[in-house]
Amino acid sequence: MDLLHGTLDLLILKTLALGPMHGWGIAQRIQQISEDALRVNQGSLYPALQRLETAGWLDSEWGASERNRQAKFYRLTRAGQKQLREESAQWARMTTAVGKILAHEG
């Protein structure tokens, strides 16, 4: 399923709230938690990670992956945690509004 514009940032922030992770791990976790409904392609993921890091919402450092390969690990900053709260609240308002419209009969 294609992601709605702007939802990838929220999904990345939420995934990293679980702990530091490298890019491939983030994509896998999103796919796993969504039960394969959401797949994040690398061409979208890495520009988003770079954008979030530039915004100050993520920090990164190089480390060894599970397969002992060099990988860049990302983690939420304090500003990223705040952004996650704000975007989660906005998402909740949006889905409630859309739900009301879909449920309306008239």
PDB file of N, CA and C in Angstrom:
ATOM      1  N   MET A   1       0.853  -1.176   0.000  1.00  0.00           N
ATOM      2  CA  MET A   1       0.000   0.000   0.000  1.00  0.00           C
ATOM      3  C   MET A   1       0.895   1.234   0.000  1.00  0.00           C
ATOM      4  N   ASP A   2       0.560   2.211  -0.801  1.00  0.00           N
ATOM      5  CA  ASP A   2       1.321   3.451  -0.827  1.00  0.00           C
ATOM      6  C   ASP A   2       0.997   4.268   0.424  1.00  0.00           C
ATOM      7  N   LEU A   3       2.012   4.948   0.931  1.00  0.00           N
ATOM      8  CA  LEU A   3       1.821   5.785   2.112  1.00  0.00           C
ATOM      9  C   LEU A   3       1.276   7.143   1.702  1.00  0.00           C
ATOM     10  N   LEU A   4       0.393   7.698   2.507  1.00  0.00           N
ATOM     11  CA  LEU A   4      -0.086   9.045   2.289  1.00  0.00           C
ATOM     12  C   LEU A   4       1.074  10.010   2.485  1.00  0.00           C
ATOM     13  N   HIS A   5       1.069  11.088   1.742  1.00  0.00           N
ATOM     14  CA  HIS A   5       2.123  12.088   1.873  1.00  0.00           C
ATOM     15  C   HIS A   5       2.222  12.545   3.328  1.00  0.00           C
ATOM     16  N   GLY A   6       3.422  12.535   3.862  1.00  0.00           N
ATOM     17  CA  GLY A   6       3.629  13.002   5.229  1.00  0.00           C
ATOM     18  C   GLY A   6       3.553  11.926   6.288  1.00  0.00           C
ATOM     19  N   THR A   7       3.058  10.745   5.959  1.00  0.00           N
ATOM     20  CA  THR A   7       2.937   9.711   6.988  1.00  0.00           C
ATOM     21  C   THR A   7       4.248   8.976   7.229  1.00  0.00           C
ATOM     22  N   LEU A   8       5.154   8.969   6.263  1.00  0.00           N
ATOM     23  CA  LEU A   8       6.419   8.263   6.441  1.00  0.00           C
ATOM     24  C   LEU A   8       7.213   8.842   7.607  1.00  0.00           C
ATOM     25  N   ASP A   9       7.240  10.172   7.712  1.00  0.00           N
ATOM     26  CA  ASP A   9       7.963  10.794   8.825  1.00  0.00           C
ATOM     27  C   ASP A   9       7.401  10.319  10.158  1.00  0.00           C
ATOM     28  N   LEU A  10       6.087  10.313  10.274  1.00  0.00           N
ATOM     29  CA  LEU A  10       5.440   9.868  11.510  1.00  0.00           C
ATOM     30  C   LEU A  10       5.780   8.413  11.813  1.00  0.00           C
ATOM     31  N   LEU A  11       5.742   7.560  10.798  1.00  0.00           N
ATOM     32  CA  LEU A  11       6.052   6.138  11.005  1.00  0.00           C
ATOM     33  C   LEU A  11       7.504   5.929  11.423  1.00  0.00           C
ATOM     34  N   ILE A  12       8.407   6.686  10.841  1.00  0.00           N
ATOM     35  CA  ILE A  12       9.816   6.590  11.223  1.00  0.00           C
ATOM     36  C   ILE A  12       9.999   7.042  12.670  1.00  0.00           C
ATOM     37  N   LEU A  13       9.425   8.184  13.021  1.00  0.00           N
ATOM     38  CA  LEU A  13       9.552   8.684  14.393  1.00  0.00           C
ATOM     39  C   LEU A  13       8.991   7.681  15.396  1.00  0.00           C
ATOM     40  N   LYS A  14       7.833   7.128  15.092  1.00  0.00           N
ATOM     41  CA  LYS A  14       7.206   6.158  15.998  1.00  0.00           C
ATOM     42  C   LYS A  14       8.053   4.894  16.119  1.00  0.00           C
ATOM     43  N   THR A  15       8.595   4.428  15.008  1.00  0.00           N
ATOM     44  CA  THR A  15       9.432   3.230  15.023  1.00  0.00           C
ATOM     45  C   THR A  15      10.684   3.462  15.855  1.00  0.00           C
ATOM     46  N   LEU A  16      11.282   4.631  15.725  1.00  0.00           N
ATOM     47  CA  LEU A  16      12.500   4.929  16.483  1.00  0.00           C
ATOM     48  C   LEU A  16      12.221   5.221  17.956  1.00  0.00           C
ATOM     49  N   ALA A  17      10.953   5.457  18.301  1.00  0.00           N
ATOM     50  CA  ALA A  17      10.603   5.612  19.717  1.00  0.00           C
ATOM     51  C   ALA A  17      10.833   4.290  20.456  1.00  0.00           C
ATOM     52  N   LEU A  18      10.884   3.192  19.715  1.00  0.00           N
ATOM     53  CA  LEU A  18      11.133   1.872  20.304  1.00  0.00           C
ATOM     54  C   LEU A  18      12.617   1.669  20.618  1.00  0.00           C
ATOM     55  N   GLY A  19      13.479   2.512  20.037  1.00  0.00           N
ATOM     56  CA  GLY A  19      14.915   2.402  20.262  1.00  0.00           C
ATOM     57  C   GLY A  19      15.681   2.645  18.984  1.00  0.00           C
ATOM     58  N   PRO A  20      16.995   2.855  19.085  1.00  0.00           N
ATOM     59  CA  PRO A  20      17.825   3.127  17.917  1.00  0.00           C
ATOM     60  C   PRO A  20      17.774   1.977  16.910  1.00  0.00           C
ATOM     61  N   MET A  21      17.844   2.338  15.629  1.00  0.00           N
ATOM     62  CA  MET A  21      17.741   1.338  14.571  1.00  0.00           C
ATOM     63  C   MET A  21      18.411   1.863  13.313  1.00  0.00           C
ATOM     64  N   HIS A  22      18.875   0.965  12.464  1.00  0.00           N
ATOM     65  CA  HIS A  22      19.410   1.380  11.168  1.00  0.00           C
ATOM     66  C   HIS A  22      18.273   1.384  10.149  1.00  0.00           C
ATOM     67  N   GLY A  23      18.539   1.986   8.995  1.00  0.00           N
ATOM     68  CA  GLY A  23      17.488   2.189   7.992  1.00  0.00           C
ATOM     69  C   GLY A  23      16.761   0.936   7.587  1.00  0.00           C
ATOM     70  N   TRP A  24      17.502  -0.117   7.255  1.00  0.00           N
ATOM     71  CA  TRP A  24      16.856  -1.358   6.825  1.00  0.00           C
ATOM     72  C   TRP A  24      15.978  -1.911   7.945  1.00  0.00           C
ATOM     73  N   GLY A  25      16.447  -1.799   9.193  1.00  0.00           N
ATOM     74  CA  GLY A  25      15.666  -2.271  10.340  1.00  0.00           C
ATOM     75  C   GLY A  25      14.375  -1.489  10.514  1.00  0.00           C
ATOM     76  N   ILE A  26      14.430  -0.191  10.248  1.00  0.00           N
ATOM     77  CA  ILE A  26      13.225   0.649  10.333  1.00  0.00           C
ATOM     78  C   ILE A  26      12.195   0.176   9.313  1.00  0.00           C
ATOM     79  N   ALA A  27      12.634  -0.020   8.082  1.00  0.00           N
ATOM     80  CA  ALA A  27      11.728  -0.476   7.016  1.00  0.00           C
ATOM     81  C   ALA A  27      11.126  -1.829   7.367  1.00  0.00           C
ATOM     82  N   GLN A  28      11.953  -2.735   7.882  1.00  0.00           N
ATOM     83  CA  GLN A  28      11.474  -4.070   8.264  1.00  0.00           C
ATOM     84  C   GLN A  28      10.465  -3.989   9.396  1.00  0.00           C
ATOM     85  N   ARG A  29      10.730  -3.150  10.394  1.00  0.00           N
ATOM     86  CA  ARG A  29       9.827  -3.023  11.545  1.00  0.00           C
ATOM     87  C   ARG A  29       8.474  -2.473  11.118  1.00  0.00           C
ATOM     88  N   ILE A  30       8.472  -1.469  10.249  1.00  0.00           N
ATOM     89  CA  ILE A  30       7.204  -0.916   9.756  1.00  0.00           C
ATOM     90  C   ILE A  30       6.418  -1.992   9.012  1.00  0.00           C
ATOM     91  N   GLN A  31       7.088  -2.741   8.166  1.00  0.00           N
ATOM     92  CA  GLN A  31       6.433  -3.811   7.422  1.00  0.00           C
ATOM     93  C   GLN A  31       5.899  -4.885   8.371  1.00  0.00           C
ATOM     94  N   GLN A  32       6.694  -5.255   9.359  1.00  0.00           N
ATOM     95  CA  GLN A  32       6.298  -6.297  10.318  1.00  0.00           C
ATOM     96  C   GLN A  32       5.104  -5.866  11.163  1.00  0.00           C
ATOM     97  N   ILE A  33       5.172  -4.671  11.742  1.00  0.00           N
ATOM     98  CA  ILE A  33       4.091  -4.205  12.615  1.00  0.00           C
ATOM     99  C   ILE A  33       2.795  -4.009  11.831  1.00  0.00           C
ATOM    100  N   SER A  34       2.914  -3.579  10.560  1.00  0.00           N
ATOM    101  CA  SER A  34       1.713  -3.368   9.737  1.00  0.00           C
ATOM    102  C   SER A  34       1.218  -4.670   9.103  1.00  0.00           C
ATOM    103  N   GLU A  35       1.848  -5.781   9.472  1.00  0.00           N
ATOM    104  CA  GLU A  35       1.502  -7.097   8.920  1.00  0.00           C
ATOM    105  C   GLU A  35       1.563  -7.080   7.393  1.00  0.00           C
ATOM    106  N   ASP A  36       2.648  -6.542   6.868  1.00  0.00           N
ATOM    107  CA  ASP A  36       2.943  -6.472   5.432  1.00  0.00           C
ATOM    108  C   ASP A  36       2.037  -5.520   4.650  1.00  0.00           C
ATOM    109  N   ALA A  37       1.211  -4.737   5.330  1.00  0.00           N
ATOM    110  CA  ALA A  37       0.343  -3.798   4.621  1.00  0.00           C
ATOM    111  C   ALA A  37       1.128  -2.579   4.131  1.00  0.00           C
ATOM    112  N   LEU A  38       2.182  -2.213   4.874  1.00  0.00           N
ATOM    113  CA  LEU A  38       2.993  -1.057   4.511  1.00  0.00           C
ATOM    114  C   LEU A  38       4.415  -1.503   4.225  1.00  0.00           C
ATOM    115  N   ARG A  39       4.914  -1.089   3.084  1.00  0.00           N
ATOM    116  CA  ARG A  39       6.304  -1.370   2.714  1.00  0.00           C
ATOM    117  C   ARG A  39       6.969  -0.041   2.363  1.00  0.00           C
ATOM    118  N   VAL A  40       8.107   0.195   2.954  1.00  0.00           N
ATOM    119  CA  VAL A  40       8.830   1.436   2.721  1.00  0.00           C
ATOM    120  C   VAL A  40       9.996   1.140   1.790  1.00  0.00           C
ATOM    121  N   ASN A  41      10.008   1.781   0.634  1.00  0.00           N
ATOM    122  CA  ASN A  41      11.128   1.539  -0.278  1.00  0.00           C
ATOM    123  C   ASN A  41      12.312   2.412   0.106  1.00  0.00           C
ATOM    124  N   GLN A  42      13.492   1.905  -0.206  1.00  0.00           N
ATOM    125  CA  GLN A  42      14.736   2.579   0.177  1.00  0.00           C
ATOM    126  C   GLN A  42      14.832   3.979  -0.436  1.00  0.00           C
ATOM    127  N   GLY A  43      14.254   4.156  -1.622  1.00  0.00           N
ATOM    128  CA  GLY A  43      14.298   5.452  -2.288  1.00  0.00           C
ATOM    129  C   GLY A  43      13.517   6.529  -1.565  1.00  0.00           C
ATOM    130  N   SER A  44      12.577   6.131  -0.713  1.00  0.00           N
ATOM    131  CA  SER A  44      11.826   7.084   0.112  1.00  0.00           C
ATOM    132  C   SER A  44      12.411   7.176   1.515  1.00  0.00           C
ATOM    133  N   LEU A  45      12.876   6.041   2.014  1.00  0.00           N
ATOM    134  CA  LEU A  45      13.322   5.971   3.410  1.00  0.00           C
ATOM    135  C   LEU A  45      14.540   6.839   3.692  1.00  0.00           C
ATOM    136  N   TYR A  46      15.585   6.683   2.908  1.00  0.00           N
ATOM    137  CA  TYR A  46      16.833   7.383   3.224  1.00  0.00           C
ATOM    138  C   TYR A  46      16.745   8.898   3.065  1.00  0.00           C
ATOM    139  N   PRO A  47      16.051   9.415   2.050  1.00  0.00           N
ATOM    140  CA  PRO A  47      15.843  10.874   2.016  1.00  0.00           C
ATOM    141  C   PRO A  47      15.031  11.366   3.224  1.00  0.00           C
ATOM    142  N   ALA A  48      14.057  10.571   3.668  1.00  0.00           N
ATOM    143  CA  ALA A  48      13.262  10.956   4.838  1.00  0.00           C
ATOM    144  C   ALA A  48      14.136  10.975   6.094  1.00  0.00           C
ATOM    145  N   LEU A  49      14.979   9.963   6.257  1.00  0.00           N
ATOM    146  CA  LEU A  49      15.876   9.930   7.420  1.00  0.00           C
ATOM    147  C   LEU A  49      16.799  11.149   7.410  1.00  0.00           C
ATOM    148  N   GLN A  50      17.313  11.484   6.247  1.00  0.00           N
ATOM    149  CA  GLN A  50      18.194  12.650   6.126  1.00  0.00           C
ATOM    150  C   GLN A  50      17.440  13.937   6.468  1.00  0.00           C
ATOM    151  N   ARG A  51      16.209  14.046   5.982  1.00  0.00           N
ATOM    152  CA  ARG A  51      15.378  15.224   6.256  1.00  0.00           C
ATOM    153  C   ARG A  51      15.098  15.356   7.755  1.00  0.00           C
ATOM    154  N   LEU A  52      14.767  14.231   8.405  1.00  0.00           N
ATOM    155  CA  LEU A  52      14.462  14.251   9.838  1.00  0.00           C
ATOM    156  C   LEU A  52      15.701  14.578  10.660  1.00  0.00           C
ATOM    157  N   GLU A  53      16.852  14.105  10.213  1.00  0.00           N
ATOM    158  CA  GLU A  53      18.099  14.413  10.916  1.00  0.00           C
ATOM    159  C   GLU A  53      18.438  15.903  10.760  1.00  0.00           C
ATOM    160  N   THR A  54      18.248  16.436   9.557  1.00  0.00           N
ATOM    161  CA  THR A  54      18.500  17.856   9.305  1.00  0.00           C
ATOM    162  C   THR A  54      17.573  18.734  10.149  1.00  0.00           C
ATOM    163  N   ALA A  55      16.348  18.276  10.345  1.00  0.00           N
ATOM    164  CA  ALA A  55      15.380  19.016  11.163  1.00  0.00           C
ATOM    165  C   ALA A  55      15.718  18.956  12.654  1.00  0.00           C
ATOM    166  N   GLY A  56      16.651  18.080  13.023  1.00  0.00           N
ATOM    167  CA  GLY A  56      17.031  17.965  14.427  1.00  0.00           C
ATOM    168  C   GLY A  56      16.210  16.955  15.203  1.00  0.00           C
ATOM    169  N   TRP A  57      15.406  16.164  14.508  1.00  0.00           N
ATOM    170  CA  TRP A  57      14.540  15.195  15.174  1.00  0.00           C
ATOM    171  C   TRP A  57      15.208  13.842  15.362  1.00  0.00           C
ATOM    172  N   LEU A  58      16.305  13.600  14.636  1.00  0.00           N
ATOM    173  CA  LEU A  58      17.073  12.363  14.760  1.00  0.00           C
ATOM    174  C   LEU A  58      18.546  12.688  14.910  1.00  0.00           C
ATOM    175  N   ASP A  59      19.248  11.808  15.601  1.00  0.00           N
ATOM    176  CA  ASP A  59      20.707  11.784  15.626  1.00  0.00           C
ATOM    177  C   ASP A  59      21.108  10.458  15.011  1.00  0.00           C
ATOM    178  N   SER A  60      22.336  10.384  14.535  1.00  0.00           N
ATOM    179  CA  SER A  60      22.792   9.109  13.980  1.00  0.00           C
ATOM    180  C   SER A  60      24.248   8.878  14.342  1.00  0.00           C
ATOM    181  N   GLU A  61      24.622   7.613  14.326  1.00  0.00           N
ATOM    182  CA  GLU A  61      26.024   7.239  14.495  1.00  0.00           C
ATOM    183  C   GLU A  61      26.239   5.901  13.813  1.00  0.00           C
ATOM    184  N   TRP A  62      27.480   5.684  13.384  1.00  0.00           N
ATOM    185  CA  TRP A  62      27.814   4.446  12.702  1.00  0.00           C
ATOM    186  C   TRP A  62      28.074   3.349  13.724  1.00  0.00           C
ATOM    187  N   GLY A  63      27.628   2.146  13.389  1.00  0.00           N
ATOM    188  CA  GLY A  63      27.846   0.989  14.243  1.00  0.00           C
ATOM    189  C   GLY A  63      27.741  -0.277  13.423  1.00  0.00           C
ATOM    190  N   ALA A  64      27.845  -1.408  14.089  1.00  0.00           N
ATOM    191  CA  ALA A  64      27.770  -2.705  13.410  1.00  0.00           C
ATOM    192  C   ALA A  64      26.345  -3.233  13.472  1.00  0.00           C
ATOM    193  N   SER A  65      25.847  -3.684  12.327  1.00  0.00           N
ATOM    194  CA  SER A  65      24.501  -4.270  12.251  1.00  0.00           C
ATOM    195  C   SER A  65      24.530  -5.707  12.769  1.00  0.00           C
ATOM    196  N   GLU A  66      23.361  -6.348  12.741  1.00  0.00           N
ATOM    197  CA  GLU A  66      23.248  -7.749  13.179  1.00  0.00           C
ATOM    198  C   GLU A  66      24.164  -8.655  12.355  1.00  0.00           C
ATOM    199  N   ARG A  67      24.401  -8.274  11.115  1.00  0.00           N
ATOM    200  CA  ARG A  67      25.241  -9.078  10.217  1.00  0.00           C
ATOM    201  C   ARG A  67      26.690  -8.598  10.231  1.00  0.00           C
ATOM    202  N   ASN A  68      27.025  -7.803  11.249  1.00  0.00           N
ATOM    203  CA  ASN A  68      28.373  -7.288  11.440  1.00  0.00           C
ATOM    204  C   ASN A  68      28.841  -6.388  10.299  1.00  0.00           C
ATOM    205  N   ARG A  69      27.904  -5.689   9.680  1.00  0.00           N
ATOM    206  CA  ARG A  69      28.214  -4.721   8.640  1.00  0.00           C
ATOM    207  C   ARG A  69      28.091  -3.323   9.222  1.00  0.00           C
ATOM    208  N   GLN A  70      28.836  -2.383   8.655  1.00  0.00           N
ATOM    209  CA  GLN A  70      28.718  -0.997   9.077  1.00  0.00           C
ATOM    210  C   GLN A  70      27.343  -0.464   8.671  1.00  0.00           C
ATOM    211  N   ALA A  71      26.664   0.153   9.611  1.00  0.00           N
ATOM    212  CA  ALA A  71      25.340   0.712   9.342  1.00  0.00           C
ATOM    213  C   ALA A  71      25.176   1.988  10.156  1.00  0.00           C
ATOM    214  N   LYS A  72      24.405   2.898   9.634  1.00  0.00           N
ATOM    215  CA  LYS A  72      24.115   4.136  10.334  1.00  0.00           C
ATOM    216  C   LYS A  72      22.877   3.908  11.194  1.00  0.00           C
ATOM    217  N   PHE A  73      23.014   4.069  12.494  1.00  0.00           N
ATOM    218  CA  PHE A  73      21.913   3.888  13.429  1.00  0.00           C
ATOM    219  C   PHE A  73      21.320   5.237  13.791  1.00  0.00           C
ATOM    220  N   TYR A  74      19.997   5.308  13.761  1.00  0.00           N
ATOM    221  CA  TYR A  74      19.278   6.544  14.044  1.00  0.00           C
ATOM    222  C   TYR A  74      18.556   6.420  15.377  1.00  0.00           C
ATOM    223  N   ARG A  75      18.445   7.546  16.066  1.00  0.00           N
ATOM    224  CA  ARG A  75      17.667   7.574  17.310  1.00  0.00           C
ATOM    225  C   ARG A  75      16.969   8.926  17.416  1.00  0.00           C
ATOM    226  N   LEU A  76      15.856   8.933  18.148  1.00  0.00           N
ATOM    227  CA  LEU A  76      15.101  10.164  18.354  1.00  0.00           C
ATOM    228  C   LEU A  76      15.863  11.118  19.267  1.00  0.00           C
ATOM    229  N   THR A  77      15.790  12.390  18.961  1.00  0.00           N
ATOM    230  CA  THR A  77      16.283  13.421  19.864  1.00  0.00           C
ATOM    231  C   THR A  77      15.106  13.870  20.726  1.00  0.00           C
ATOM    232  N   ARG A  78      15.377  14.743  21.655  1.00  0.00           N
ATOM    233  CA  ARG A  78      14.303  15.317  22.474  1.00  0.00           C
ATOM    234  C   ARG A  78      13.299  16.046  21.580  1.00  0.00           C
ATOM    235  N   ALA A  79      13.830  16.789  20.594  1.00  0.00           N
ATOM    236  CA  ALA A  79      12.957  17.496  19.640  1.00  0.00           C
ATOM    237  C   ALA A  79      12.151  16.496  18.807  1.00  0.00           C
ATOM    238  N   GLY A  80      12.740  15.353  18.492  1.00  0.00           N
ATOM    239  CA  GLY A  80      12.033  14.310  17.748  1.00  0.00           C
ATOM    240  C   GLY A  80      10.896  13.708  18.552  1.00  0.00           C
ATOM    241  N   GLN A  81      11.108  13.552  19.846  1.00  0.00           N
ATOM    242  CA  GLN A  81      10.045  13.033  20.716  1.00  0.00           C
ATOM    243  C   GLN A  81       8.872  14.007  20.761  1.00  0.00           C
ATOM    244  N   LYS A  82       9.192  15.297  20.825  1.00  0.00           N
ATOM    245  CA  LYS A  82       8.148  16.329  20.820  1.00  0.00           C
ATOM    246  C   LYS A  82       7.394  16.312  19.490  1.00  0.00           C
ATOM    247  N   GLN A  83       8.147  16.206  18.383  1.00  0.00           N
ATOM    248  CA  GLN A  83       7.531  16.159  17.062  1.00  0.00           C
ATOM    249  C   GLN A  83       6.629  14.939  16.925  1.00  0.00           C
ATOM    250  N   LEU A  84       7.063  13.806  17.453  1.00  0.00           N
ATOM    251  CA  LEU A  84       6.249  12.588  17.418  1.00  0.00           C
ATOM    252  C   LEU A  84       4.925  12.807  18.137  1.00  0.00           C
ATOM    253  N   ARG A  85       4.960  13.423  19.297  1.00  0.00           N
ATOM    254  CA  ARG A  85       3.710  13.706  20.030  1.00  0.00           C
ATOM    255  C   ARG A  85       2.787  14.607  19.216  1.00  0.00           C
ATOM    256  N   GLU A  86       3.364  15.665  18.619  1.00  0.00           N
ATOM    257  CA  GLU A  86       2.557  16.600  17.834  1.00  0.00           C
ATOM    258  C   GLU A  86       1.959  15.936  16.592  1.00  0.00           C
ATOM    259  N   GLU A  87       2.785  15.178  15.867  1.00  0.00           N
ATOM    260  CA  GLU A  87       2.285  14.524  14.653  1.00  0.00           C
ATOM    261  C   GLU A  87       1.278  13.426  14.967  1.00  0.00           C
ATOM    262  N   SER A  88       1.466  12.730  16.086  1.00  0.00           N
ATOM    263  CA  SER A  88       0.505  11.690  16.495  1.00  0.00           C
ATOM    264  C   SER A  88      -0.848  12.312  16.805  1.00  0.00           C
ATOM    265  N   ALA A  89      -0.845  13.442  17.501  1.00  0.00           N
ATOM    266  CA  ALA A  89      -2.098  14.130  17.830  1.00  0.00           C
ATOM    267  C   ALA A  89      -2.780  14.628  16.559  1.00  0.00           C
ATOM    268  N   GLN A  90      -1.982  15.168  15.636  1.00  0.00           N
ATOM    269  CA  GLN A  90      -2.538  15.645  14.368  1.00  0.00           C
ATOM    270  C   GLN A  90      -3.132  14.488  13.569  1.00  0.00           C
ATOM    271  N   TRP A  91      -2.437  13.349  13.557  1.00  0.00           N
ATOM    272  CA  TRP A  91      -2.924  12.167  12.841  1.00  0.00           C
ATOM    273  C   TRP A  91      -4.254  11.695  13.449  1.00  0.00           C
ATOM    274  N   ALA A  92      -4.342  11.689  14.760  1.00  0.00           N
ATOM    275  CA  ALA A  92      -5.570  11.262  15.437  1.00  0.00           C
ATOM    276  C   ALA A  92      -6.739  12.177  15.059  1.00  0.00           C
ATOM    277  N   ARG A  93      -6.486  13.494  15.031  1.00  0.00           N
ATOM    278  CA  ARG A  93      -7.552  14.436  14.630  1.00  0.00           C
ATOM    279  C   ARG A  93      -7.987  14.179  13.186  1.00  0.00           C
ATOM    280  N   MET A  94      -7.009  13.952  12.318  1.00  0.00           N
ATOM    281  CA  MET A  94      -7.304  13.731  10.899  1.00  0.00           C
ATOM    282  C   MET A  94      -8.113  12.449  10.695  1.00  0.00           C
ATOM    283  N   THR A  95      -7.702  11.352  11.320  1.00  0.00           N
ATOM    284  CA  THR A  95      -8.419  10.089  11.119  1.00  0.00           C
ATOM    285  C   THR A  95      -9.821  10.151  11.714  1.00  0.00           C
ATOM    286  N   THR A  96      -9.982  10.889  12.815  1.00  0.00           N
ATOM    287  CA  THR A  96     -11.316  11.062  13.391  1.00  0.00           C
ATOM    288  C   THR A  96     -12.209  11.831  12.420  1.00  0.00           C
ATOM    289  N   ALA A  97     -11.675  12.895  11.841  1.00  0.00           N
ATOM    290  CA  ALA A  97     -12.451  13.701  10.893  1.00  0.00           C
ATOM    291  C   ALA A  97     -12.841  12.895   9.655  1.00  0.00           C
ATOM    292  N   VAL A  98     -11.893  12.144   9.109  1.00  0.00           N
ATOM    293  CA  VAL A  98     -12.190  11.314   7.935  1.00  0.00           C
ATOM    294  C   VAL A  98     -13.211  10.255   8.289  1.00  0.00           C
ATOM    295  N   GLY A  99     -13.079   9.646   9.457  1.00  0.00           N
ATOM    296  CA  GLY A  99     -14.035   8.650   9.926  1.00  0.00           C
ATOM    297  C   GLY A  99     -15.452   9.207  10.018  1.00  0.00           C
ATOM    298  N   LYS A 100     -15.581  10.429  10.504  1.00  0.00           N
ATOM    299  CA  LYS A 100     -16.898  11.081  10.592  1.00  0.00           C
ATOM    300  C   LYS A 100     -17.513  11.268   9.201  1.00  0.00           C
ATOM    301  N   ILE A 101     -16.678  11.697   8.255  1.00  0.00           N
ATOM    302  CA  ILE A 101     -17.179  11.902   6.897  1.00  0.00           C
ATOM    303  C   ILE A 101     -17.614  10.579   6.270  1.00  0.00           C
ATOM    304  N   LEU A 102     -16.828   9.539   6.452  1.00  0.00           N
ATOM    305  CA  LEU A 102     -17.176   8.232   5.879  1.00  0.00           C
ATOM    306  C   LEU A 102     -18.421   7.644   6.526  1.00  0.00           C
ATOM    307  N   ALA A 103     -18.623   7.919   7.805  1.00  0.00           N
ATOM    308  CA  ALA A 103     -19.776   7.370   8.517  1.00  0.00           C
ATOM    309  C   ALA A 103     -21.062   8.162   8.274  1.00  0.00           C
ATOM    310  N   HIS A 104     -20.920   9.388   7.776  1.00  0.00           N
ATOM    311  CA  HIS A 104     -22.083  10.253   7.577  1.00  0.00           C
ATOM    312  C   HIS A 104     -22.982   9.736   6.457  1.00  0.00           C
ATOM    313  N   GLU A 105     -24.245   9.664   6.777  1.00  0.00           N
ATOM    314  CA  GLU A 105     -25.225   9.258   5.765  1.00  0.00           C
ATOM    315  C   GLU A 105     -26.196  10.396   5.557  1.00  0.00           C
ATOM    316  N   GLY A 106     -26.183  10.904   4.384  1.00  0.00           N
ATOM    317  CA  GLY A 106     -27.104  12.012   4.164  1.00  0.00           C
ATOM    318  C   GLY A 106     -26.929  12.690   2.866  1.00  0.00           C
TER     319      GLY A 106
END
